[in-house]
Amino acid sequence: MAQMKVWTWTNPAAAVARNEDVGFTVGQITVTDVTNGAQYYWDSSMTSGYYVTVDTGAVTTSNGFTPLSQSTKVGATISGFTNANPGVITVDDTATFGFATGDTIKVSELADDGSASTGLNGTFTIASVTAPSTITLVENTTAYSVYVSGGVATRVSDTNGDPVAIENLAIRGITIGTGAVGANNAVMTAVAFGEESVT
């Protein structure tokens, strides 16, 4: 018997692709547009990105379903770090990792230009978080080295100073592309089966 997950959602006014974390490697998925009656299917014998529109049998070769299996995700990926007072970090996702005002975070694996005696890898305190991607720090970073690339921001302690356990929040699931995600404002249901059997 394979793992199985059923879930629903309502698309926004402009339907967009979705990364769905189902907790296992998806081997088969069917998505139904409950509002409009369309249904889309994919299984692991098909190429990633493909999908079949069930009612017409049409095979589409892009913007369909793509398995998603991240190996490790313990912090937000950094794409920018501004030398300012206060310093500002741009990350891919603030919500997933629970960043909050008063948290202590650790910046690591970041490349800076080494132009100052203080580098950007280190520990900082969050002054504010603006979803989905901006962390403003308490620290003045104007005299720090200049950001070049990369980096990960992880929570070290919460607003009370209590340590935050490192947790792997990597996604194991599927990306549902714009062709298979359904119509604008539509109520959607998905049924996914896992690649591995459960005994």
N, C-alpha and C. Protein backbone atom coordinates (compact mmCIF):
# COMPACT_ATOMS: atom_id res chain seq x y z
N MET A 1 0.84 -1.18 0.00
CA MET A 1 0.00 0.00 0.00
C MET A 1 0.89 1.24 0.00
N ALA A 2 0.51 2.23 -0.79
CA ALA A 2 1.28 3.47 -0.90
C ALA A 2 0.76 4.52 0.07
N GLN A 3 1.63 5.47 0.41
CA GLN A 3 1.19 6.61 1.20
C GLN A 3 0.20 7.41 0.37
N MET A 4 -0.73 8.10 1.04
CA MET A 4 -1.74 8.87 0.33
C MET A 4 -2.05 10.14 1.12
N LYS A 5 -2.29 11.23 0.40
CA LYS A 5 -2.73 12.47 1.04
C LYS A 5 -3.78 13.12 0.17
N VAL A 6 -4.82 13.63 0.82
CA VAL A 6 -5.89 14.37 0.15
C VAL A 6 -5.94 15.75 0.78
N TRP A 7 -5.99 16.82 -0.03
CA TRP A 7 -6.10 18.17 0.51
C TRP A 7 -6.86 19.06 -0.46
N THR A 8 -7.33 20.18 0.06
CA THR A 8 -8.08 21.14 -0.76
C THR A 8 -7.51 22.54 -0.56
N TRP A 9 -7.80 23.42 -1.49
CA TRP A 9 -7.45 24.83 -1.38
C TRP A 9 -8.35 25.63 -2.32
N THR A 10 -8.36 26.92 -2.14
CA THR A 10 -9.06 27.82 -3.06
C THR A 10 -8.02 28.70 -3.71
N ASN A 11 -8.02 28.71 -5.04
CA ASN A 11 -7.06 29.53 -5.78
C ASN A 11 -7.34 31.01 -5.55
N PRO A 12 -6.28 31.84 -5.58
CA PRO A 12 -6.49 33.29 -5.54
C PRO A 12 -7.10 33.78 -6.85
N ALA A 13 -7.41 35.07 -6.91
CA ALA A 13 -8.02 35.65 -8.11
C ALA A 13 -7.17 35.42 -9.35
N ALA A 14 -5.85 35.38 -9.17
CA ALA A 14 -4.94 35.01 -10.26
C ALA A 14 -4.22 33.74 -9.81
N ALA A 15 -4.69 32.59 -10.28
CA ALA A 15 -4.13 31.31 -9.85
C ALA A 15 -2.64 31.23 -10.19
N VAL A 16 -1.85 30.74 -9.25
CA VAL A 16 -0.40 30.64 -9.42
C VAL A 16 0.06 29.22 -9.09
N ALA A 17 1.27 28.88 -9.55
CA ALA A 17 1.86 27.57 -9.25
C ALA A 17 2.00 27.41 -7.75
N ARG A 18 1.98 26.15 -7.28
CA ARG A 18 2.03 25.87 -5.85
C ARG A 18 3.07 24.80 -5.57
N ASN A 19 3.85 24.98 -4.50
CA ASN A 19 4.71 23.93 -3.97
C ASN A 19 3.97 23.30 -2.81
N GLU A 20 3.65 22.02 -2.92
CA GLU A 20 2.88 21.33 -1.89
C GLU A 20 3.77 20.33 -1.16
N ASP A 21 3.86 20.48 0.15
CA ASP A 21 4.62 19.56 0.99
C ASP A 21 3.67 18.49 1.50
N VAL A 22 3.81 17.28 0.96
CA VAL A 22 2.92 16.19 1.38
C VAL A 22 3.63 15.20 2.30
N GLY A 23 4.95 15.34 2.46
CA GLY A 23 5.69 14.49 3.38
C GLY A 23 6.24 13.22 2.77
N PHE A 24 6.05 13.04 1.47
CA PHE A 24 6.59 11.86 0.79
C PHE A 24 6.84 12.18 -0.67
N THR A 25 7.58 11.30 -1.35
CA THR A 25 7.84 11.48 -2.78
C THR A 25 6.59 11.06 -3.55
N VAL A 26 6.04 11.98 -4.32
CA VAL A 26 4.79 11.73 -5.03
C VAL A 26 5.06 10.87 -6.27
N GLY A 27 4.27 9.80 -6.40
CA GLY A 27 4.36 8.92 -7.57
C GLY A 27 3.17 9.07 -8.50
N GLN A 28 2.07 9.61 -7.96
CA GLN A 28 0.85 9.79 -8.75
C GLN A 28 0.01 10.89 -8.10
N ILE A 29 -0.57 11.76 -8.93
CA ILE A 29 -1.42 12.82 -8.38
C ILE A 29 -2.54 13.15 -9.36
N THR A 30 -3.72 13.41 -8.79
CA THR A 30 -4.87 13.88 -9.54
C THR A 30 -5.37 15.15 -8.86
N VAL A 31 -5.54 16.21 -9.62
CA VAL A 31 -6.06 17.48 -9.10
C VAL A 31 -7.38 17.76 -9.81
N THR A 32 -8.40 18.06 -9.00
CA THR A 32 -9.73 18.33 -9.54
C THR A 32 -10.13 19.77 -9.25
N ASP A 33 -10.57 20.47 -10.30
CA ASP A 33 -11.13 21.81 -10.18
C ASP A 33 -12.61 21.61 -9.86
N VAL A 34 -12.95 21.64 -8.56
CA VAL A 34 -14.31 21.37 -8.11
C VAL A 34 -15.28 22.42 -8.65
N THR A 35 -14.84 23.65 -8.78
CA THR A 35 -15.70 24.74 -9.25
C THR A 35 -16.08 24.58 -10.72
N ASN A 36 -15.11 24.17 -11.55
CA ASN A 36 -15.33 24.13 -13.00
C ASN A 36 -15.35 22.74 -13.62
N GLY A 37 -14.99 21.72 -12.84
CA GLY A 37 -15.10 20.35 -13.32
C GLY A 37 -13.89 19.79 -14.05
N ALA A 38 -12.83 20.53 -14.23
CA ALA A 38 -11.65 20.02 -14.91
C ALA A 38 -10.84 19.13 -13.97
N GLN A 39 -10.10 18.18 -14.55
CA GLN A 39 -9.27 17.29 -13.75
C GLN A 39 -7.95 17.07 -14.47
N TYR A 40 -6.83 17.05 -13.68
CA TYR A 40 -5.48 16.93 -14.23
C TYR A 40 -4.77 15.77 -13.52
N TYR A 41 -3.96 15.02 -14.30
CA TYR A 41 -3.34 13.81 -13.77
C TYR A 41 -1.86 13.76 -14.17
N TRP A 42 -1.05 13.17 -13.28
CA TRP A 42 0.36 12.90 -13.57
C TRP A 42 0.79 11.68 -12.76
N ASP A 43 1.70 10.87 -13.33
CA ASP A 43 2.34 9.82 -12.54
C ASP A 43 3.81 9.76 -12.92
N SER A 44 4.59 9.04 -12.11
CA SER A 44 6.05 9.06 -12.24
C SER A 44 6.58 8.42 -13.51
N SER A 45 5.72 7.77 -14.30
CA SER A 45 6.18 7.25 -15.59
C SER A 45 6.23 8.36 -16.65
N MET A 46 5.63 9.52 -16.31
CA MET A 46 5.62 10.67 -17.21
C MET A 46 6.80 11.59 -16.90
N THR A 47 7.19 12.40 -17.84
CA THR A 47 8.25 13.37 -17.65
C THR A 47 7.79 14.47 -16.69
N SER A 48 8.70 14.95 -15.85
CA SER A 48 8.39 16.06 -14.96
C SER A 48 7.90 17.25 -15.77
N GLY A 49 6.89 17.93 -15.27
CA GLY A 49 6.33 19.09 -15.96
C GLY A 49 5.14 18.75 -16.84
N TYR A 50 4.98 17.47 -17.19
CA TYR A 50 3.85 17.05 -18.02
C TYR A 50 2.58 16.94 -17.17
N TYR A 51 1.43 16.89 -17.86
CA TYR A 51 0.18 16.53 -17.23
C TYR A 51 -0.83 16.13 -18.30
N VAL A 52 -1.84 15.35 -17.87
CA VAL A 52 -2.92 14.94 -18.75
C VAL A 52 -4.19 15.64 -18.27
N THR A 53 -4.90 16.28 -19.19
CA THR A 53 -6.23 16.81 -18.87
C THR A 53 -7.18 15.63 -19.05
N VAL A 54 -7.74 15.14 -17.96
CA VAL A 54 -8.46 13.87 -17.95
C VAL A 54 -9.66 13.85 -18.88
N ASP A 55 -10.48 14.89 -18.90
CA ASP A 55 -11.70 14.84 -19.71
C ASP A 55 -11.44 14.85 -21.21
N THR A 56 -10.30 15.41 -21.66
CA THR A 56 -10.00 15.44 -23.09
C THR A 56 -8.92 14.44 -23.49
N GLY A 57 -8.14 13.99 -22.52
CA GLY A 57 -7.02 13.09 -22.82
C GLY A 57 -5.81 13.81 -23.37
N ALA A 58 -5.85 15.13 -23.42
CA ALA A 58 -4.74 15.91 -23.98
C ALA A 58 -3.54 15.88 -23.03
N VAL A 59 -2.36 15.61 -23.60
CA VAL A 59 -1.12 15.63 -22.83
C VAL A 59 -0.43 16.96 -23.08
N THR A 60 -0.10 17.66 -22.01
CA THR A 60 0.60 18.93 -22.10
C THR A 60 2.00 18.73 -21.53
N THR A 61 3.01 19.29 -22.20
CA THR A 61 4.40 18.99 -21.86
C THR A 61 5.10 20.05 -21.01
N SER A 62 4.33 21.01 -20.48
CA SER A 62 4.94 22.03 -19.62
C SER A 62 3.91 22.55 -18.63
N ASN A 63 4.42 23.17 -17.55
CA ASN A 63 3.57 23.79 -16.53
C ASN A 63 2.63 22.82 -15.84
N GLY A 64 3.07 21.55 -15.74
CA GLY A 64 2.26 20.54 -15.06
C GLY A 64 2.79 20.22 -13.68
N PHE A 65 3.06 18.93 -13.44
CA PHE A 65 3.49 18.46 -12.13
C PHE A 65 4.97 18.11 -12.13
N THR A 66 5.68 18.55 -11.09
CA THR A 66 7.10 18.25 -10.95
C THR A 66 7.37 17.81 -9.52
N PRO A 67 7.90 16.60 -9.34
CA PRO A 67 8.24 16.16 -7.98
C PRO A 67 9.19 17.15 -7.33
N LEU A 68 9.01 17.35 -6.03
CA LEU A 68 9.82 18.30 -5.29
C LEU A 68 10.36 17.59 -4.06
N SER A 69 11.68 17.48 -4.00
CA SER A 69 12.30 16.79 -2.87
C SER A 69 13.57 17.52 -2.47
N GLN A 70 13.44 18.41 -1.50
CA GLN A 70 14.61 19.12 -0.98
C GLN A 70 15.29 18.23 0.05
N SER A 71 16.61 18.18 0.03
CA SER A 71 17.30 17.32 0.99
C SER A 71 17.38 17.97 2.37
N THR A 72 17.66 19.26 2.43
CA THR A 72 17.77 19.94 3.71
C THR A 72 17.29 21.38 3.58
N LYS A 73 16.54 21.83 4.55
CA LYS A 73 16.08 23.22 4.59
C LYS A 73 15.94 23.58 6.06
N VAL A 74 17.02 24.11 6.64
CA VAL A 74 17.02 24.44 8.06
C VAL A 74 16.98 25.95 8.31
N GLY A 75 17.02 26.72 7.25
CA GLY A 75 16.98 28.16 7.38
C GLY A 75 16.59 28.81 6.07
N ALA A 76 16.31 30.10 6.15
CA ALA A 76 15.91 30.85 4.96
C ALA A 76 17.13 31.18 4.11
N THR A 77 17.00 31.05 2.81
CA THR A 77 18.07 31.36 1.88
C THR A 77 18.17 32.88 1.71
N ILE A 78 19.38 33.39 1.89
CA ILE A 78 19.61 34.84 1.80
C ILE A 78 19.93 35.22 0.35
N SER A 79 19.30 36.32 -0.11
CA SER A 79 19.60 36.83 -1.45
C SER A 79 20.12 38.26 -1.41
N GLY A 80 20.18 38.85 -0.22
CA GLY A 80 20.71 40.20 -0.09
C GLY A 80 20.94 40.56 1.37
N PHE A 81 21.94 41.40 1.61
CA PHE A 81 22.24 41.87 2.97
C PHE A 81 22.75 43.29 2.82
N THR A 82 21.95 44.27 3.24
CA THR A 82 22.26 45.67 3.03
C THR A 82 23.12 46.23 4.16
N ASN A 83 24.20 46.91 3.79
CA ASN A 83 25.02 47.63 4.76
C ASN A 83 24.29 48.93 5.08
N ALA A 84 23.61 48.95 6.22
CA ALA A 84 22.78 50.11 6.57
C ALA A 84 22.63 50.20 8.09
N ASN A 85 22.00 51.24 8.53
CA ASN A 85 21.68 51.40 9.94
C ASN A 85 20.17 51.59 10.06
N PRO A 86 19.44 50.51 10.34
CA PRO A 86 19.88 49.16 10.67
C PRO A 86 20.11 48.31 9.41
N GLY A 87 20.82 47.19 9.60
CA GLY A 87 21.04 46.25 8.51
C GLY A 87 19.74 45.57 8.10
N VAL A 88 19.64 45.23 6.81
CA VAL A 88 18.44 44.57 6.29
C VAL A 88 18.86 43.34 5.50
N ILE A 89 18.22 42.20 5.81
CA ILE A 89 18.50 40.95 5.12
C ILE A 89 17.28 40.59 4.28
N THR A 90 17.51 40.20 3.03
CA THR A 90 16.44 39.70 2.16
C THR A 90 16.58 38.19 2.07
N VAL A 91 15.48 37.48 2.36
CA VAL A 91 15.48 36.02 2.35
C VAL A 91 14.34 35.51 1.47
N ASP A 92 14.35 34.20 1.19
CA ASP A 92 13.32 33.63 0.34
C ASP A 92 11.99 33.42 1.07
N ASP A 93 12.02 33.35 2.42
CA ASP A 93 10.79 33.01 3.14
C ASP A 93 10.96 33.33 4.63
N THR A 94 10.16 34.23 5.13
CA THR A 94 10.23 34.53 6.57
C THR A 94 9.25 33.70 7.38
N ALA A 95 8.11 33.33 6.79
CA ALA A 95 7.04 32.66 7.54
C ALA A 95 7.37 31.23 7.92
N THR A 96 7.91 30.45 6.98
CA THR A 96 8.17 29.03 7.22
C THR A 96 9.04 28.82 8.45
N PHE A 97 10.01 29.70 8.65
CA PHE A 97 10.97 29.51 9.74
C PHE A 97 10.58 30.26 11.01
N GLY A 98 9.48 30.97 10.99
CA GLY A 98 8.94 31.60 12.18
C GLY A 98 9.73 32.78 12.71
N PHE A 99 10.45 33.49 11.84
CA PHE A 99 11.21 34.66 12.29
C PHE A 99 10.27 35.68 12.93
N ALA A 100 10.69 36.25 14.08
CA ALA A 100 9.86 37.23 14.79
C ALA A 100 10.74 38.29 15.43
N THR A 101 10.15 39.44 15.67
CA THR A 101 10.85 40.54 16.36
C THR A 101 11.42 40.04 17.69
N GLY A 102 12.69 40.33 17.92
CA GLY A 102 13.35 39.91 19.16
C GLY A 102 14.11 38.60 19.06
N ASP A 103 13.90 37.84 17.99
CA ASP A 103 14.65 36.60 17.80
C ASP A 103 16.13 36.89 17.58
N THR A 104 16.97 35.95 17.96
CA THR A 104 18.38 35.97 17.58
C THR A 104 18.53 35.01 16.43
N ILE A 105 19.21 35.47 15.37
CA ILE A 105 19.43 34.62 14.20
C ILE A 105 20.92 34.47 13.93
N LYS A 106 21.25 33.38 13.26
CA LYS A 106 22.63 33.15 12.84
C LYS A 106 22.68 33.20 11.33
N VAL A 107 23.59 34.00 10.79
CA VAL A 107 23.84 34.06 9.35
C VAL A 107 25.11 33.26 9.09
N SER A 108 25.01 32.30 8.17
CA SER A 108 26.16 31.46 7.84
C SER A 108 26.20 31.17 6.35
N GLU A 109 27.33 30.65 5.89
CA GLU A 109 27.53 30.24 4.49
C GLU A 109 27.40 31.40 3.51
N LEU A 110 27.60 32.63 4.00
CA LEU A 110 27.45 33.82 3.17
C LEU A 110 28.83 34.27 2.67
N ALA A 111 28.88 34.70 1.42
CA ALA A 111 30.12 35.26 0.87
C ALA A 111 30.03 36.78 0.89
N ASP A 112 31.02 37.42 1.55
CA ASP A 112 31.11 38.87 1.50
C ASP A 112 32.47 39.23 0.91
N ASP A 113 32.71 40.52 0.64
CA ASP A 113 33.94 40.91 -0.06
C ASP A 113 35.16 41.06 0.85
N GLY A 114 35.00 40.89 2.15
CA GLY A 114 36.13 40.97 3.07
C GLY A 114 36.72 42.35 3.20
N SER A 115 35.98 43.37 2.82
CA SER A 115 36.50 44.74 2.83
C SER A 115 36.56 45.37 4.21
N ALA A 116 35.97 44.71 5.20
CA ALA A 116 35.99 45.25 6.57
C ALA A 116 36.43 44.16 7.54
N SER A 117 36.83 44.56 8.72
CA SER A 117 37.27 43.57 9.71
C SER A 117 36.11 42.75 10.25
N THR A 118 34.87 43.24 10.10
CA THR A 118 33.69 42.50 10.54
C THR A 118 32.93 41.99 9.33
N GLY A 119 32.78 40.66 9.25
CA GLY A 119 32.05 40.05 8.15
C GLY A 119 30.58 39.91 8.47
N LEU A 120 29.80 39.54 7.46
CA LEU A 120 28.36 39.43 7.61
C LEU A 120 27.91 38.10 8.20
N ASN A 121 28.78 37.08 8.23
CA ASN A 121 28.43 35.84 8.90
C ASN A 121 28.54 36.08 10.40
N GLY A 122 27.48 35.74 11.13
CA GLY A 122 27.49 35.96 12.57
C GLY A 122 26.10 35.93 13.14
N THR A 123 25.97 36.41 14.36
CA THR A 123 24.70 36.41 15.08
C THR A 123 24.14 37.82 15.16
N PHE A 124 22.82 37.94 14.91
CA PHE A 124 22.15 39.24 14.88
C PHE A 124 20.80 39.13 15.59
N THR A 125 20.24 40.29 15.96
CA THR A 125 18.92 40.35 16.59
C THR A 125 17.94 40.99 15.63
N ILE A 126 16.75 40.41 15.53
CA ILE A 126 15.72 40.92 14.61
C ILE A 126 14.96 42.08 15.26
N ALA A 127 14.93 43.21 14.55
CA ALA A 127 14.14 44.36 14.99
C ALA A 127 12.71 44.26 14.47
N SER A 128 12.56 43.77 13.22
CA SER A 128 11.23 43.59 12.64
C SER A 128 11.30 42.65 11.45
N VAL A 129 10.15 42.07 11.14
CA VAL A 129 10.04 41.17 9.99
C VAL A 129 8.90 41.67 9.12
N THR A 130 9.19 41.84 7.84
CA THR A 130 8.16 42.21 6.88
C THR A 130 8.01 41.05 5.91
N ALA A 131 6.87 40.35 6.01
CA ALA A 131 6.64 39.18 5.16
C ALA A 131 6.53 39.64 3.71
N PRO A 132 6.93 38.84 2.75
CA PRO A 132 7.42 37.49 2.94
C PRO A 132 8.94 37.37 2.99
N SER A 133 9.67 38.50 2.86
CA SER A 133 11.10 38.30 2.61
C SER A 133 12.08 39.28 3.27
N THR A 134 11.65 40.15 4.16
CA THR A 134 12.56 41.16 4.69
C THR A 134 12.73 41.05 6.20
N ILE A 135 13.98 40.98 6.64
CA ILE A 135 14.32 40.98 8.06
C ILE A 135 15.15 42.22 8.34
N THR A 136 14.64 43.09 9.21
CA THR A 136 15.39 44.28 9.62
C THR A 136 16.05 43.96 10.95
N LEU A 137 17.33 44.28 11.06
CA LEU A 137 18.11 43.94 12.25
C LEU A 137 18.17 45.09 13.24
N VAL A 138 18.55 44.80 14.45
CA VAL A 138 18.83 45.81 15.47
C VAL A 138 20.18 46.46 15.16
N GLU A 139 21.13 45.65 14.67
CA GLU A 139 22.51 46.08 14.46
C GLU A 139 22.69 47.05 13.29
N ASN A 140 23.62 47.96 13.47
CA ASN A 140 24.08 48.86 12.41
C ASN A 140 25.17 48.11 11.65
N THR A 141 24.97 47.85 10.36
CA THR A 141 25.95 47.07 9.59
C THR A 141 26.69 47.92 8.55
N THR A 142 26.67 49.24 8.71
CA THR A 142 27.33 50.10 7.72
C THR A 142 28.83 49.85 7.63
N ALA A 143 29.48 49.44 8.71
CA ALA A 143 30.93 49.24 8.70
C ALA A 143 31.32 47.78 8.46
N TYR A 144 30.35 46.94 8.08
CA TYR A 144 30.63 45.53 7.81
C TYR A 144 31.09 45.35 6.37
N SER A 145 31.64 44.16 6.06
CA SER A 145 31.97 43.83 4.67
C SER A 145 30.71 43.85 3.82
N VAL A 146 30.87 43.91 2.50
CA VAL A 146 29.75 44.03 1.58
C VAL A 146 29.31 42.64 1.11
N TYR A 147 28.00 42.43 1.08
CA TYR A 147 27.40 41.16 0.64
C TYR A 147 27.77 40.87 -0.81
N VAL A 148 28.13 39.60 -1.08
CA VAL A 148 28.41 39.15 -2.44
C VAL A 148 27.36 38.15 -2.90
N SER A 149 27.18 37.05 -2.13
CA SER A 149 26.21 36.05 -2.54
C SER A 149 25.96 35.04 -1.42
N GLY A 150 24.88 34.26 -1.62
CA GLY A 150 24.58 33.12 -0.76
C GLY A 150 24.22 33.46 0.66
N GLY A 151 24.21 32.42 1.48
CA GLY A 151 23.94 32.57 2.89
C GLY A 151 22.63 31.95 3.32
N VAL A 152 22.59 31.59 4.60
CA VAL A 152 21.39 31.02 5.21
C VAL A 152 21.17 31.71 6.56
N ALA A 153 19.93 32.06 6.86
CA ALA A 153 19.58 32.64 8.16
C ALA A 153 18.76 31.62 8.95
N THR A 154 19.23 31.28 10.16
CA THR A 154 18.52 30.33 11.01
C THR A 154 18.24 30.97 12.37
N ARG A 155 17.15 30.58 12.99
CA ARG A 155 16.82 31.07 14.33
C ARG A 155 17.69 30.37 15.35
N VAL A 156 18.28 31.13 16.27
CA VAL A 156 19.10 30.60 17.35
C VAL A 156 18.30 30.57 18.64
N SER A 157 17.61 31.70 18.93
CA SER A 157 16.77 31.78 20.11
C SER A 157 15.57 32.67 19.83
N ASP A 158 14.50 32.45 20.61
CA ASP A 158 13.28 33.23 20.40
C ASP A 158 13.33 34.54 21.19
N THR A 159 12.22 35.24 21.20
CA THR A 159 12.16 36.55 21.85
C THR A 159 12.40 36.49 23.36
N ASN A 160 12.20 35.31 23.96
CA ASN A 160 12.46 35.13 25.39
C ASN A 160 13.88 34.68 25.68
N GLY A 161 14.68 34.49 24.62
CA GLY A 161 16.04 34.00 24.79
C GLY A 161 16.13 32.49 24.87
N ASP A 162 15.00 31.80 24.70
CA ASP A 162 15.01 30.34 24.73
C ASP A 162 15.56 29.79 23.42
N PRO A 163 16.43 28.77 23.49
CA PRO A 163 17.01 28.20 22.27
C PRO A 163 15.92 27.63 21.35
N VAL A 164 16.14 27.75 20.05
CA VAL A 164 15.23 27.19 19.05
C VAL A 164 15.92 25.99 18.43
N ALA A 165 15.28 24.84 18.51
CA ALA A 165 15.85 23.61 17.95
C ALA A 165 15.93 23.71 16.43
N ILE A 166 17.01 23.20 15.87
CA ILE A 166 17.16 23.17 14.41
C ILE A 166 16.24 22.08 13.88
N GLU A 167 15.43 22.44 12.90
CA GLU A 167 14.47 21.51 12.33
C GLU A 167 14.60 21.53 10.81
N ASN A 168 14.63 20.35 10.20
CA ASN A 168 14.67 20.27 8.75
C ASN A 168 13.27 20.47 8.20
N LEU A 169 13.03 21.60 7.55
CA LEU A 169 11.73 21.92 6.99
C LEU A 169 11.70 21.72 5.48
N ALA A 170 12.55 20.82 4.99
CA ALA A 170 12.60 20.55 3.55
C ALA A 170 11.27 19.99 3.06
N ILE A 171 10.92 20.38 1.86
CA ILE A 171 9.67 19.93 1.26
C ILE A 171 9.88 18.60 0.54
N ARG A 172 9.00 17.66 0.80
CA ARG A 172 8.90 16.43 0.01
C ARG A 172 7.49 16.41 -0.51
N GLY A 173 7.36 16.66 -1.79
CA GLY A 173 6.02 16.73 -2.35
C GLY A 173 6.03 16.97 -3.83
N ILE A 174 5.29 18.00 -4.25
CA ILE A 174 5.10 18.22 -5.68
C ILE A 174 4.88 19.71 -5.95
N THR A 175 5.39 20.16 -7.11
CA THR A 175 5.05 21.49 -7.60
C THR A 175 3.91 21.32 -8.59
N ILE A 176 2.85 22.06 -8.39
CA ILE A 176 1.71 22.06 -9.31
C ILE A 176 1.82 23.32 -10.14
N GLY A 177 2.15 23.14 -11.41
CA GLY A 177 2.38 24.27 -12.30
C GLY A 177 1.11 24.99 -12.70
N THR A 178 1.26 26.10 -13.40
CA THR A 178 0.13 26.94 -13.76
C THR A 178 -0.87 26.26 -14.69
N GLY A 179 -0.42 25.26 -15.44
CA GLY A 179 -1.35 24.55 -16.32
C GLY A 179 -2.28 23.61 -15.58
N ALA A 180 -1.84 23.10 -14.43
CA ALA A 180 -2.61 22.09 -13.70
C ALA A 180 -3.17 22.59 -12.38
N VAL A 181 -2.90 23.85 -12.03
CA VAL A 181 -3.32 24.35 -10.73
C VAL A 181 -4.81 24.73 -10.69
N GLY A 182 -5.45 24.83 -11.85
CA GLY A 182 -6.87 25.15 -11.89
C GLY A 182 -7.14 26.61 -12.20
N ALA A 183 -8.42 26.93 -12.27
CA ALA A 183 -8.86 28.27 -12.68
C ALA A 183 -8.76 29.28 -11.54
N ASN A 184 -8.78 30.53 -11.91
CA ASN A 184 -8.81 31.62 -10.93
C ASN A 184 -10.01 31.45 -10.00
N ASN A 185 -9.81 31.65 -8.70
CA ASN A 185 -10.86 31.58 -7.68
C ASN A 185 -11.50 30.20 -7.52
N ALA A 186 -10.97 29.18 -8.15
CA ALA A 186 -11.59 27.85 -8.10
C ALA A 186 -11.25 27.11 -6.81
N VAL A 187 -12.20 26.30 -6.35
CA VAL A 187 -11.97 25.38 -5.23
C VAL A 187 -11.35 24.12 -5.83
N MET A 188 -10.22 23.71 -5.25
CA MET A 188 -9.45 22.60 -5.80
C MET A 188 -9.30 21.48 -4.78
N THR A 189 -9.23 20.24 -5.28
CA THR A 189 -8.95 19.07 -4.44
C THR A 189 -7.85 18.27 -5.11
N ALA A 190 -6.89 17.79 -4.31
CA ALA A 190 -5.81 16.97 -4.84
C ALA A 190 -5.74 15.65 -4.06
N VAL A 191 -5.40 14.60 -4.79
CA VAL A 191 -5.17 13.28 -4.19
C VAL A 191 -3.82 12.82 -4.71
N ALA A 192 -2.86 12.61 -3.78
CA ALA A 192 -1.51 12.18 -4.17
C ALA A 192 -1.19 10.84 -3.50
N PHE A 193 -0.50 9.98 -4.25
CA PHE A 193 -0.03 8.70 -3.74
C PHE A 193 1.49 8.70 -3.77
N GLY A 194 2.09 8.08 -2.77
CA GLY A 194 3.53 8.04 -2.66
C GLY A 194 4.19 7.06 -3.60
N GLU A 195 5.46 7.33 -3.87
CA GLU A 195 6.28 6.47 -4.71
C GLU A 195 6.66 5.19 -3.97
N GLU A 196 6.90 5.30 -2.66
CA GLU A 196 7.32 4.15 -1.87
C GLU A 196 6.11 3.49 -1.21
N SER A 197 6.17 2.18 -1.05
CA SER A 197 5.08 1.46 -0.38
C SER A 197 5.26 1.53 1.12
N VAL A 198 4.15 1.43 1.83
CA VAL A 198 4.14 1.43 3.28
C VAL A 198 3.75 0.02 3.72
N THR A 199 4.56 -0.58 4.58
CA THR A 199 4.23 -1.95 5.02
C THR A 199 3.75 -1.95 6.45
